[in-house]
Amino acid sequence: MEIDARGLSCPQPVIETKKAVDKKIMHLKVLVDTIAAKENVSRFAKVMKYHVDVVETDYGWMLELEK
């Protein structure tokens, strides 16, 4: 599943990620374009016991979350 959270202000990227986590999605890609969103989504995912890989892209970051 891929969540495009670019252009969304915090806490919206975390809220969108939480919706997927609540559905027990095991593998997610979250696209973000601010440092705050990158840090907040990463922190939330780690608390929810996901492994997080962050890849810098031309538009910001792609966070790969894996349970």
Protein backbone atom coordinates (compact mmCIF):
# COMPACT_ATOMS: atom_id res chain seq x y z
CA MET A 1 0.00 0.00 0.00
CA GLU A 2 1.24 3.51 -0.77
CA ILE A 3 0.21 6.69 1.02
CA ASP A 4 0.98 9.98 -0.68
CA ALA A 5 1.18 12.47 2.19
CA ARG A 6 3.08 15.13 0.24
CA GLY A 7 1.66 18.57 0.81
CA LEU A 8 -0.14 17.54 3.99
CA SER A 9 0.59 19.40 7.21
CA CYS A 10 1.30 17.50 10.41
CA PRO A 11 -0.32 15.63 11.98
CA GLN A 12 -2.16 14.55 8.80
CA PRO A 13 0.65 12.27 7.47
CA VAL A 14 0.68 10.42 10.81
CA ILE A 15 -3.12 10.15 10.80
CA GLU A 16 -3.12 8.68 7.28
CA THR A 17 -0.39 6.22 8.30
CA LYS A 18 -2.34 5.26 11.42
CA LYS A 19 -5.40 4.43 9.30
CA ALA A 20 -3.33 1.88 7.36
CA VAL A 21 -1.72 0.50 10.53
CA ASP A 22 -5.18 0.07 12.07
CA LYS A 23 -6.11 -2.06 9.03
CA LYS A 24 -3.15 -4.35 9.87
CA ILE A 25 -1.29 -3.46 6.66
CA MET A 26 2.13 -5.11 7.01
CA HIS A 27 4.03 -3.22 4.29
CA LEU A 28 3.54 0.48 3.57
CA LYS A 29 5.24 3.17 1.55
CA VAL A 30 4.60 6.68 2.80
CA LEU A 31 5.63 9.65 0.63
CA VAL A 32 6.34 12.87 2.53
CA ASP A 33 7.90 16.20 1.64
CA THR A 34 8.78 17.79 4.99
CA ILE A 35 11.33 16.89 7.63
CA ALA A 36 8.66 17.10 10.33
CA ALA A 37 6.45 14.58 8.51
CA LYS A 38 9.42 12.26 7.94
CA GLU A 39 10.37 12.33 11.61
CA ASN A 40 6.82 12.08 12.96
CA VAL A 41 5.76 9.20 10.70
CA SER A 42 9.03 7.36 11.42
CA ARG A 43 8.59 7.80 15.17
CA PHE A 44 4.97 6.62 15.05
CA ALA A 45 5.86 3.58 12.93
CA LYS A 46 8.64 2.54 15.30
CA VAL A 47 6.29 2.82 18.28
CA MET A 48 3.89 0.54 16.37
CA LYS A 49 6.75 -1.98 15.94
CA TYR A 50 7.40 -1.37 12.23
CA HIS A 51 10.89 -1.41 10.74
CA VAL A 52 11.43 1.89 8.91
CA ASP A 53 13.70 2.54 5.93
CA VAL A 54 13.95 6.14 4.73
CA VAL A 55 14.95 6.88 1.14
CA GLU A 56 15.55 10.45 0.02
CA THR A 57 13.94 11.25 -3.34
CA ASP A 58 13.62 14.23 -5.67
CA TYR A 59 10.34 15.22 -3.98
CA GLY A 60 11.26 14.53 -0.34
CA TRP A 61 11.33 11.10 1.25
CA MET A 62 9.82 7.66 0.82
CA LEU A 63 9.38 5.81 4.09
CA GLU A 64 9.13 2.04 3.76
CA LEU A 65 7.40 0.49 6.76
CA GLU A 66 7.57 -3.25 7.28
CA LYS A 67 6.18 -5.33 10.12
